[in-house]
Amino acid sequence: MIPDKLSFASRKRTLWYRVAQSRGAPMCGFAGFVSREQRPGTGEARMAVARAMGRQLRRRGPDDEQFLSTDRLTLVFRRLAIVDCAGGRQPIANEDGTIFLAVNGEIYNHRELRSGLRGTHRFRSRSDSEVVLHLYEERGPAALDALVGMFAIAIWDEGAGRLLLARDRLGIKPLYYATPGADLLFASELKALLVHPDAPREFAWQDLNHV
């Protein structure tokens, strides 16, 4: 069950991550929200919120900013390119435009996974993120079990009407979410999530048990 208040997981970070943070290393980031029902006619208002969320993530992604808006999903992505700067823009879609994905992080075993997908999917880039997209097409949520790396992932499956949010096993990459009302909100940083006008400001003290 998804709680009504802000919920987030906080685990010990690796030494590398703490050092990288202290040096001000740039990172990718994404934010967005999914409506429980289709809400046509409100696209401009939703995009204004997405742009405001993106401004809060500017320091995380110096290379690119992209937006996606469907009848139910609105998403912004700020990107630091690690693999394939030109071809790895996000969010990305599958071949028929029914599944969309955003990844913050790096998939260490993406070459191995890509080799197992050749012949069944047409790759448009060398991006490790596209590997995750096609792996999800093949395995669904079970695709996460095959990933090795540090990552936070958002996958919107238009056909299934499903949003999948996931983090790496150590929780290195941050991901916050909230369900305050008609929308499910998510973001790489809490300040981006709080830009949404429906975001709750009450802290869920019971979540301190997970720190």
Protein backbone atom coordinates (compact mmCIF):
# COMPACT_ATOMS: atom_id res chain seq x y z
CA MET A 1 0.00 0.00 0.00
CA ILE A 2 1.29 3.46 -0.88
CA PRO A 3 1.11 5.83 2.12
CA ASP A 4 -0.57 9.22 1.84
CA LYS A 5 2.34 11.17 3.31
CA LEU A 6 5.83 11.67 1.94
CA SER A 7 7.71 8.40 1.83
CA PHE A 8 11.32 7.76 1.05
CA ALA A 9 14.05 5.24 1.71
CA SER A 10 17.44 6.25 3.07
CA ARG A 11 20.29 3.78 3.25
CA LYS A 12 24.03 3.96 3.74
CA ARG A 13 25.80 5.30 0.66
CA THR A 14 29.02 3.89 -0.67
CA LEU A 15 32.27 5.71 0.03
CA TRP A 16 32.52 6.63 -3.65
CA TYR A 17 29.12 8.26 -3.60
CA ARG A 18 29.90 10.34 -0.51
CA VAL A 19 33.17 11.55 -2.06
CA ALA A 20 31.47 12.37 -5.36
CA GLN A 21 28.79 14.35 -3.58
CA SER A 22 31.32 16.31 -1.56
CA ARG A 23 33.08 17.38 -4.76
CA GLY A 24 29.86 18.63 -6.27
CA ALA A 25 29.78 16.01 -9.03
CA PRO A 26 26.83 16.58 -11.41
CA MET A 27 24.11 13.93 -11.70
CA CYS A 28 21.00 13.20 -13.74
CA GLY A 29 17.56 13.75 -12.31
CA PHE A 30 13.90 13.43 -13.19
CA ALA A 31 10.55 14.46 -11.79
CA GLY A 32 6.94 14.07 -12.77
CA PHE A 33 3.45 13.02 -11.87
CA VAL A 34 0.84 10.55 -13.07
CA SER A 35 -2.90 11.23 -12.92
CA ARG A 36 -5.13 8.44 -11.70
CA GLU A 37 -7.49 9.23 -14.59
CA GLN A 38 -7.08 10.80 -18.01
CA ARG A 39 -7.20 14.59 -17.73
CA PRO A 40 -7.32 16.04 -21.27
CA GLY A 41 -7.37 19.81 -21.62
CA THR A 42 -5.00 20.54 -18.72
CA GLY A 43 -1.75 20.05 -20.62
CA GLU A 44 -0.40 23.60 -20.34
CA ALA A 45 -0.95 23.79 -16.59
CA ARG A 46 0.73 20.42 -16.12
CA MET A 47 3.70 21.46 -18.25
CA ALA A 48 4.11 24.63 -16.19
CA VAL A 49 4.44 22.48 -13.08
CA ALA A 50 6.91 20.19 -14.87
CA ARG A 51 9.05 23.15 -15.90
CA ALA A 52 9.11 24.38 -12.30
CA MET A 53 10.12 20.91 -11.11
CA GLY A 54 12.87 20.84 -13.73
CA ARG A 55 14.32 24.11 -12.50
CA GLN A 56 14.82 22.52 -9.10
CA LEU A 57 16.89 19.77 -10.75
CA ARG A 58 19.07 22.03 -12.90
CA ARG A 59 22.27 21.29 -10.98
CA ARG A 60 21.82 17.56 -11.56
CA GLY A 61 21.77 17.66 -15.36
CA PRO A 62 23.89 20.19 -17.24
CA ASP A 63 23.78 18.43 -20.63
CA ASP A 64 20.09 18.31 -21.56
CA GLU A 65 16.49 18.93 -20.48
CA GLN A 66 13.55 17.08 -22.02
CA PHE A 67 9.82 16.94 -21.31
CA LEU A 68 7.12 14.33 -21.92
CA SER A 69 3.37 14.78 -21.59
CA THR A 70 0.63 12.23 -22.26
CA ASP A 71 -3.00 12.10 -21.13
CA ARG A 72 -1.86 10.85 -17.71
CA LEU A 73 1.93 11.27 -17.41
CA THR A 74 3.92 14.50 -17.21
CA LEU A 75 7.70 14.20 -16.82
CA VAL A 76 10.86 16.31 -16.97
CA PHE A 77 14.40 14.93 -17.22
CA ARG A 78 17.68 16.75 -16.57
CA ARG A 79 20.64 14.80 -17.92
CA LEU A 80 24.32 14.26 -17.36
CA ALA A 81 25.47 12.09 -20.27
CA ILE A 82 27.73 9.18 -19.27
CA VAL A 83 27.10 6.92 -22.28
CA ASP A 84 26.18 8.26 -25.77
CA CYS A 85 25.64 11.97 -25.17
CA ALA A 86 23.94 12.58 -28.52
CA GLY A 87 21.81 9.43 -28.70
CA GLY A 88 20.83 8.93 -25.08
CA ARG A 89 18.26 11.67 -24.55
CA GLN A 90 15.54 10.88 -22.06
CA PRO A 91 12.78 10.07 -21.50
CA ILE A 92 12.93 7.43 -24.21
CA ALA A 93 10.16 5.35 -25.77
CA ASN A 94 9.96 1.84 -27.16
CA GLU A 95 9.39 1.16 -30.84
CA ASP A 96 5.61 1.65 -30.80
CA GLY A 97 5.53 4.50 -28.29
CA THR A 98 3.63 2.67 -25.56
CA ILE A 99 6.37 2.51 -22.90
CA PHE A 100 8.45 5.43 -21.65
CA LEU A 101 11.50 5.32 -19.41
CA ALA A 102 13.76 7.67 -17.45
CA VAL A 103 16.92 6.52 -15.65
CA ASN A 104 19.17 8.41 -13.28
CA GLY A 105 22.43 6.52 -12.86
CA GLU A 106 24.49 3.94 -14.67
CA ILE A 107 23.88 0.30 -15.58
CA TYR A 108 27.24 -1.46 -15.28
CA ASN A 109 26.25 -4.63 -17.15
CA HIS A 110 24.41 -2.92 -20.02
CA ARG A 111 26.68 -4.40 -22.71
CA GLU A 112 26.02 -7.93 -21.53
CA LEU A 113 22.27 -7.30 -21.39
CA ARG A 114 22.30 -5.65 -24.81
CA SER A 115 23.93 -8.69 -26.41
CA GLY A 116 21.07 -10.84 -25.16
CA LEU A 117 18.49 -8.51 -26.75
CA ARG A 118 20.02 -8.23 -30.21
CA GLY A 119 17.77 -9.60 -32.92
CA THR A 120 14.58 -8.94 -30.96
CA HIS A 121 14.76 -5.14 -30.69
CA ARG A 122 16.03 -2.27 -32.83
CA PHE A 123 18.48 -0.17 -30.82
CA ARG A 124 18.67 3.51 -31.75
CA SER A 125 21.59 4.43 -29.48
CA ARG A 126 24.45 3.09 -27.37
CA SER A 127 22.71 4.32 -24.22
CA ASP A 128 22.52 1.99 -21.24
CA SER A 129 19.03 3.39 -20.57
CA GLU A 130 17.66 1.97 -23.83
CA VAL A 131 18.80 -1.47 -22.72
CA VAL A 132 16.61 -1.17 -19.62
CA LEU A 133 13.63 -0.14 -21.75
CA HIS A 134 13.81 -3.18 -24.03
CA LEU A 135 14.56 -5.49 -21.13
CA TYR A 136 11.34 -4.30 -19.49
CA GLU A 137 9.47 -5.07 -22.71
CA GLU A 138 10.75 -8.64 -22.54
CA ARG A 139 10.44 -9.34 -18.81
CA GLY A 140 8.18 -6.71 -17.28
CA PRO A 141 9.03 -5.65 -13.70
CA ALA A 142 11.24 -8.75 -13.37
CA ALA A 143 13.75 -6.95 -15.62
CA LEU A 144 14.96 -5.10 -12.52
CA ASP A 145 16.44 -8.33 -11.16
CA ALA A 146 19.01 -8.39 -13.98
CA LEU A 147 20.33 -4.85 -13.49
CA VAL A 148 23.72 -4.23 -11.89
CA GLY A 149 24.59 -0.63 -11.15
CA MET A 150 23.45 2.47 -9.32
CA PHE A 151 20.14 3.78 -10.57
CA ALA A 152 16.71 5.25 -9.99
CA ILE A 153 14.17 4.34 -12.66
CA ALA A 154 10.72 5.49 -13.73
CA ILE A 155 8.84 3.43 -16.34
CA TRP A 156 5.41 4.41 -17.62
CA ASP A 157 3.57 1.56 -19.36
CA GLU A 158 0.79 3.24 -21.32
CA GLY A 159 -0.94 0.00 -22.29
CA ALA A 160 -1.01 -1.37 -18.76
CA GLY A 161 -1.67 2.02 -17.18
CA ARG A 162 1.20 1.31 -14.80
CA LEU A 163 4.00 3.41 -13.34
CA LEU A 164 7.04 1.51 -12.08
CA LEU A 165 9.46 3.32 -9.75
CA ALA A 166 12.63 1.53 -8.65
CA ARG A 167 16.07 2.07 -7.12
CA ASP A 168 19.27 0.05 -6.99
CA ARG A 169 19.63 -2.42 -4.14
CA LEU A 170 21.88 -0.15 -2.07
CA GLY A 171 19.71 2.88 -2.57
CA ILE A 172 22.57 4.96 -3.94
CA LYS A 173 20.40 7.05 -6.27
CA PRO A 174 17.61 9.02 -4.58
CA LEU A 175 13.92 8.77 -5.44
CA TYR A 176 10.99 10.35 -3.59
CA TYR A 177 7.26 9.91 -4.14
CA ALA A 178 3.95 11.05 -2.70
CA THR A 179 0.25 10.41 -3.36
CA PRO A 180 -1.49 13.50 -2.01
CA GLY A 181 -4.59 13.46 -4.18
CA ALA A 182 -5.43 12.86 -7.82
CA ASP A 183 -1.77 12.56 -8.86
CA LEU A 184 1.13 10.31 -7.89
CA LEU A 185 4.21 12.53 -7.65
CA PHE A 186 7.85 11.44 -7.96
CA ALA A 187 11.23 13.17 -8.15
CA SER A 188 14.96 12.69 -7.74
CA GLU A 189 15.03 15.45 -5.12
CA LEU A 190 12.52 16.39 -2.46
CA LYS A 191 12.57 20.07 -3.41
CA ALA A 192 11.44 19.20 -6.95
CA LEU A 193 8.56 17.12 -5.63
CA LEU A 194 7.45 19.93 -3.31
CA VAL A 195 7.00 22.29 -6.28
CA HIS A 196 3.81 20.41 -7.20
CA PRO A 197 0.85 22.34 -5.76
CA ASP A 198 -0.67 19.18 -4.24
CA ALA A 199 2.54 17.98 -2.55
CA PRO A 200 2.09 17.35 1.19
CA ARG A 201 4.23 19.30 3.63
CA GLU A 202 3.60 17.06 6.64
CA PHE A 203 6.53 14.81 7.49
CA ALA A 204 5.90 11.08 7.98
CA TRP A 205 7.79 10.56 11.23
CA GLN A 206 7.42 6.77 11.08
CA ASP A 207 9.78 6.76 8.09
CA LEU A 208 12.64 7.62 10.44
CA ASN A 209 12.61 3.91 11.27
CA HIS A 210 14.15 3.30 7.84
CA VAL A 211 17.08 5.69 8.26
